[in-house]
């Protein structure tokens, strides 16, 4: 994460988070399930870690509720998107 942050520096940045990076336990509807991917907590921490960047927006992709047998994915996606909105708001408030 530090390497990515050093590349971006103070340039304007857009955060796009792909839920396929989560372990299938947290995103069972993913089209590319791989065991050992990131946990929900790790995803939240990654989002918070980029809060000091010069963010101007963000999105969350690969939420597919119709393919989620647990029906948990919409909540996971919504809470992660809330985290993205919070770090973007934090960044915008520093301007």
N, C-alpha and C. Protein backbone atom coordinates (compact mmCIF):
# COMPACT_ATOMS: atom_id res chain seq x y z
N UNK A 1 0.81 -1.18 0.00
CA UNK A 1 0.00 0.00 0.00
C UNK A 1 0.87 1.26 0.00
N UNK A 2 1.97 1.20 0.72
CA UNK A 2 2.87 2.36 0.77
C UNK A 2 3.42 2.68 -0.61
N UNK A 3 3.75 1.64 -1.39
CA UNK A 3 4.28 1.87 -2.73
C UNK A 3 3.24 2.57 -3.61
N UNK A 4 2.00 2.10 -3.54
CA UNK A 4 0.94 2.72 -4.33
C UNK A 4 0.74 4.17 -3.92
N UNK A 5 0.75 4.43 -2.62
CA UNK A 5 0.57 5.79 -2.13
C UNK A 5 1.72 6.69 -2.55
N UNK A 6 2.94 6.15 -2.61
CA UNK A 6 4.08 6.97 -3.03
C UNK A 6 4.01 7.28 -4.52
N UNK A 7 3.45 6.38 -5.31
CA UNK A 7 3.29 6.63 -6.75
C UNK A 7 2.26 7.74 -6.98
N UNK A 8 1.16 7.68 -6.26
CA UNK A 8 0.09 8.68 -6.41
C UNK A 8 0.54 10.03 -5.88
N UNK A 9 1.21 10.02 -4.74
CA UNK A 9 1.67 11.28 -4.14
C UNK A 9 0.51 12.21 -3.83
N UNK A 10 0.63 13.48 -4.23
CA UNK A 10 -0.42 14.47 -3.99
C UNK A 10 -1.33 14.67 -5.19
N UNK A 11 -1.12 13.89 -6.25
CA UNK A 11 -1.97 14.01 -7.43
C UNK A 11 -3.41 13.62 -7.09
N UNK A 12 -4.38 14.19 -7.78
CA UNK A 12 -5.76 13.77 -7.57
C UNK A 12 -5.91 12.27 -7.87
N UNK A 13 -6.69 11.58 -7.04
CA UNK A 13 -6.83 10.13 -7.19
C UNK A 13 -8.30 9.73 -7.07
N UNK A 14 -8.64 8.65 -7.74
CA UNK A 14 -9.98 8.08 -7.71
C UNK A 14 -9.84 6.66 -7.18
N UNK A 15 -10.60 6.30 -6.17
CA UNK A 15 -10.52 4.98 -5.56
C UNK A 15 -11.60 4.07 -6.13
N UNK A 16 -11.19 3.00 -6.79
CA UNK A 16 -12.12 1.99 -7.29
C UNK A 16 -11.81 0.69 -6.57
N UNK A 17 -12.80 0.13 -5.89
CA UNK A 17 -12.60 -1.09 -5.10
C UNK A 17 -13.40 -2.22 -5.73
N UNK A 18 -12.73 -3.32 -6.07
CA UNK A 18 -13.35 -4.48 -6.70
C UNK A 18 -13.58 -5.55 -5.64
N UNK A 19 -14.83 -5.92 -5.42
CA UNK A 19 -15.16 -6.90 -4.38
C UNK A 19 -14.63 -8.30 -4.70
N UNK A 20 -14.20 -8.53 -5.91
CA UNK A 20 -13.61 -9.84 -6.24
C UNK A 20 -12.32 -10.09 -5.48
N UNK A 21 -11.75 -9.05 -4.87
CA UNK A 21 -10.51 -9.24 -4.10
C UNK A 21 -10.79 -9.83 -2.73
N UNK A 22 -12.07 -9.92 -2.35
CA UNK A 22 -12.41 -10.50 -1.05
C UNK A 22 -12.46 -12.02 -1.12
N UNK A 23 -12.14 -12.66 -0.02
CA UNK A 23 -12.26 -14.11 0.10
C UNK A 23 -13.72 -14.49 -0.17
N UNK A 24 -13.97 -15.64 -0.82
CA UNK A 24 -15.34 -16.06 -1.11
C UNK A 24 -16.24 -16.16 0.12
N UNK A 25 -15.66 -16.28 1.29
CA UNK A 25 -16.47 -16.26 2.52
C UNK A 25 -17.22 -14.94 2.62
N UNK A 26 -16.60 -13.85 2.15
CA UNK A 26 -17.19 -12.52 2.25
C UNK A 26 -17.85 -12.07 0.95
N UNK A 27 -17.49 -12.69 -0.16
CA UNK A 27 -18.10 -12.35 -1.45
C UNK A 27 -18.37 -13.63 -2.24
N UNK A 28 -19.37 -14.40 -1.82
CA UNK A 28 -19.62 -15.71 -2.43
C UNK A 28 -20.08 -15.64 -3.88
N UNK A 29 -20.55 -14.49 -4.34
CA UNK A 29 -21.06 -14.40 -5.70
C UNK A 29 -19.97 -14.11 -6.73
N UNK A 30 -18.73 -13.98 -6.29
CA UNK A 30 -17.66 -13.61 -7.21
C UNK A 30 -17.52 -14.62 -8.35
N UNK A 31 -17.18 -14.11 -9.51
CA UNK A 31 -16.97 -14.98 -10.67
C UNK A 31 -15.61 -15.64 -10.66
N UNK A 32 -14.71 -15.16 -9.82
CA UNK A 32 -13.35 -15.72 -9.75
C UNK A 32 -12.98 -16.01 -8.30
N UNK A 33 -13.61 -17.03 -7.69
CA UNK A 33 -13.33 -17.30 -6.28
C UNK A 33 -11.92 -17.84 -6.06
N UNK A 34 -11.20 -17.22 -5.15
CA UNK A 34 -9.87 -17.67 -4.77
C UNK A 34 -9.78 -17.66 -3.25
N UNK A 35 -9.41 -18.78 -2.68
CA UNK A 35 -9.26 -18.85 -1.23
C UNK A 35 -8.03 -18.06 -0.80
N UNK A 36 -8.10 -17.49 0.38
CA UNK A 36 -6.97 -16.75 0.92
C UNK A 36 -6.91 -15.31 0.48
N UNK A 37 -7.97 -14.81 -0.13
CA UNK A 37 -8.01 -13.41 -0.51
C UNK A 37 -8.22 -12.56 0.75
N UNK A 38 -8.51 -11.29 0.58
CA UNK A 38 -8.64 -10.38 1.72
C UNK A 38 -9.93 -10.62 2.50
N UNK A 39 -9.87 -10.36 3.81
CA UNK A 39 -11.06 -10.43 4.65
C UNK A 39 -11.79 -9.09 4.58
N UNK A 40 -12.99 -9.05 5.12
CA UNK A 40 -13.76 -7.81 5.18
C UNK A 40 -13.00 -6.76 5.99
N UNK A 41 -12.45 -7.16 7.12
CA UNK A 41 -11.70 -6.22 7.96
C UNK A 41 -10.48 -5.67 7.22
N UNK A 42 -9.76 -6.53 6.51
CA UNK A 42 -8.60 -6.06 5.73
C UNK A 42 -9.04 -5.07 4.67
N UNK A 43 -10.19 -5.31 4.06
CA UNK A 43 -10.70 -4.38 3.04
C UNK A 43 -11.00 -3.02 3.67
N UNK A 44 -11.65 -3.02 4.84
CA UNK A 44 -11.93 -1.76 5.53
C UNK A 44 -10.63 -1.02 5.86
N UNK A 45 -9.64 -1.75 6.33
CA UNK A 45 -8.36 -1.12 6.68
C UNK A 45 -7.66 -0.55 5.45
N UNK A 46 -7.74 -1.25 4.31
CA UNK A 46 -7.14 -0.73 3.08
C UNK A 46 -7.80 0.57 2.67
N UNK A 47 -9.12 0.60 2.75
CA UNK A 47 -9.86 1.82 2.38
C UNK A 47 -9.46 2.97 3.30
N UNK A 48 -9.40 2.72 4.59
CA UNK A 48 -9.03 3.77 5.54
C UNK A 48 -7.60 4.24 5.32
N UNK A 49 -6.73 3.34 4.90
CA UNK A 49 -5.32 3.69 4.73
C UNK A 49 -5.10 4.69 3.61
N UNK A 50 -5.98 4.72 2.62
CA UNK A 50 -5.80 5.67 1.52
C UNK A 50 -6.50 7.00 1.80
N UNK A 51 -7.03 7.16 2.99
CA UNK A 51 -7.75 8.38 3.34
C UNK A 51 -6.89 9.63 3.32
N UNK A 52 -5.58 9.48 3.38
CA UNK A 52 -4.72 10.66 3.35
C UNK A 52 -4.32 11.06 1.93
N UNK A 53 -4.81 10.32 0.93
CA UNK A 53 -4.55 10.71 -0.46
C UNK A 53 -5.47 11.86 -0.86
N UNK A 54 -5.18 12.47 -2.00
CA UNK A 54 -5.98 13.56 -2.54
C UNK A 54 -7.12 12.95 -3.38
N UNK A 55 -8.07 12.31 -2.70
CA UNK A 55 -9.17 11.62 -3.38
C UNK A 55 -10.24 12.60 -3.84
N UNK A 56 -10.77 12.36 -5.04
CA UNK A 56 -11.88 13.18 -5.52
C UNK A 56 -13.12 12.35 -5.82
N UNK A 57 -13.04 11.04 -5.62
CA UNK A 57 -14.19 10.17 -5.85
C UNK A 57 -13.82 8.72 -5.66
N UNK A 58 -14.83 7.87 -5.75
CA UNK A 58 -14.59 6.44 -5.60
C UNK A 58 -15.80 5.63 -5.99
N UNK A 59 -15.58 4.35 -6.21
CA UNK A 59 -16.67 3.45 -6.51
C UNK A 59 -16.36 2.05 -6.00
N UNK A 60 -17.35 1.20 -6.09
CA UNK A 60 -17.24 -0.19 -5.66
C UNK A 60 -17.86 -1.02 -6.77
N UNK A 61 -17.13 -2.01 -7.25
CA UNK A 61 -17.64 -2.82 -8.37
C UNK A 61 -17.73 -4.29 -8.00
N UNK A 62 -18.49 -5.02 -8.80
CA UNK A 62 -18.67 -6.47 -8.69
C UNK A 62 -19.59 -6.88 -7.55
N UNK A 63 -20.58 -6.05 -7.23
CA UNK A 63 -21.62 -6.47 -6.30
C UNK A 63 -22.72 -7.10 -7.14
N UNK A 64 -23.03 -8.36 -6.89
CA UNK A 64 -24.02 -9.08 -7.68
C UNK A 64 -24.99 -9.83 -6.77
N UNK A 65 -25.91 -9.11 -6.11
CA UNK A 65 -26.82 -9.76 -5.17
C UNK A 65 -27.59 -10.96 -5.72
N UNK A 66 -28.01 -10.97 -7.00
CA UNK A 66 -28.75 -12.15 -7.47
C UNK A 66 -27.93 -13.45 -7.44
N UNK A 67 -26.62 -13.33 -7.42
CA UNK A 67 -25.76 -14.52 -7.42
C UNK A 67 -25.23 -14.87 -6.04
N UNK A 68 -25.69 -14.18 -5.02
CA UNK A 68 -25.21 -14.39 -3.65
C UNK A 68 -26.19 -15.27 -2.88
N UNK A 69 -25.85 -16.54 -2.65
CA UNK A 69 -26.76 -17.43 -1.94
C UNK A 69 -26.95 -17.05 -0.46
N UNK A 70 -26.02 -16.29 0.11
CA UNK A 70 -26.12 -15.92 1.52
C UNK A 70 -26.90 -14.63 1.74
N UNK A 71 -27.06 -13.85 0.69
CA UNK A 71 -27.72 -12.54 0.75
C UNK A 71 -26.99 -11.55 1.66
N UNK A 72 -25.70 -11.79 1.91
CA UNK A 72 -24.90 -10.88 2.73
C UNK A 72 -24.14 -9.85 1.91
N UNK A 73 -23.94 -10.14 0.63
CA UNK A 73 -23.09 -9.28 -0.19
C UNK A 73 -23.59 -7.85 -0.30
N UNK A 74 -24.89 -7.60 -0.43
CA UNK A 74 -25.33 -6.20 -0.50
C UNK A 74 -24.92 -5.41 0.74
N UNK A 75 -25.00 -6.02 1.91
CA UNK A 75 -24.59 -5.33 3.14
C UNK A 75 -23.08 -5.10 3.17
N UNK A 76 -22.32 -6.11 2.77
CA UNK A 76 -20.87 -5.96 2.70
C UNK A 76 -20.50 -4.83 1.74
N UNK A 77 -21.12 -4.84 0.56
CA UNK A 77 -20.85 -3.79 -0.42
C UNK A 77 -21.24 -2.42 0.09
N UNK A 78 -22.40 -2.33 0.73
CA UNK A 78 -22.87 -1.03 1.23
C UNK A 78 -21.95 -0.48 2.32
N UNK A 79 -21.50 -1.34 3.22
CA UNK A 79 -20.64 -0.84 4.30
C UNK A 79 -19.26 -0.46 3.78
N UNK A 80 -18.75 -1.20 2.80
CA UNK A 80 -17.46 -0.82 2.22
C UNK A 80 -17.60 0.49 1.43
N UNK A 81 -18.72 0.66 0.73
CA UNK A 81 -18.94 1.90 -0.01
C UNK A 81 -19.07 3.07 0.95
N UNK A 82 -19.70 2.85 2.09
CA UNK A 82 -19.77 3.90 3.11
C UNK A 82 -18.37 4.32 3.54
N UNK A 83 -17.48 3.33 3.71
CA UNK A 83 -16.10 3.63 4.06
C UNK A 83 -15.42 4.47 2.98
N UNK A 84 -15.68 4.13 1.72
CA UNK A 84 -15.11 4.90 0.60
C UNK A 84 -15.64 6.33 0.64
N UNK A 85 -16.95 6.49 0.84
CA UNK A 85 -17.53 7.84 0.91
C UNK A 85 -16.92 8.64 2.05
N UNK A 86 -16.66 7.99 3.17
CA UNK A 86 -16.06 8.68 4.32
C UNK A 86 -14.65 9.17 4.02
N UNK A 87 -13.82 8.33 3.38
CA UNK A 87 -12.45 8.78 3.11
C UNK A 87 -12.43 9.84 2.01
N UNK A 88 -13.36 9.77 1.06
CA UNK A 88 -13.44 10.81 0.04
C UNK A 88 -13.88 12.13 0.69
N UNK A 89 -14.87 12.07 1.57
CA UNK A 89 -15.31 13.29 2.27
C UNK A 89 -14.18 13.87 3.12
N UNK A 90 -13.43 13.00 3.77
CA UNK A 90 -12.29 13.45 4.57
C UNK A 90 -11.28 14.17 3.68
N UNK A 91 -11.02 13.60 2.52
CA UNK A 91 -10.07 14.22 1.59
C UNK A 91 -10.58 15.56 1.09
N UNK A 92 -11.85 15.62 0.72
CA UNK A 92 -12.42 16.87 0.21
C UNK A 92 -12.44 17.96 1.28
N UNK A 93 -12.60 17.58 2.53
CA UNK A 93 -12.65 18.58 3.61
C UNK A 93 -11.29 19.23 3.86
N UNK A 94 -10.23 18.60 3.40
CA UNK A 94 -8.88 19.17 3.59
C UNK A 94 -8.54 20.21 2.53
N UNK A 95 -9.38 20.41 1.55
CA UNK A 95 -9.08 21.36 0.48
C UNK A 95 -9.47 22.76 0.84
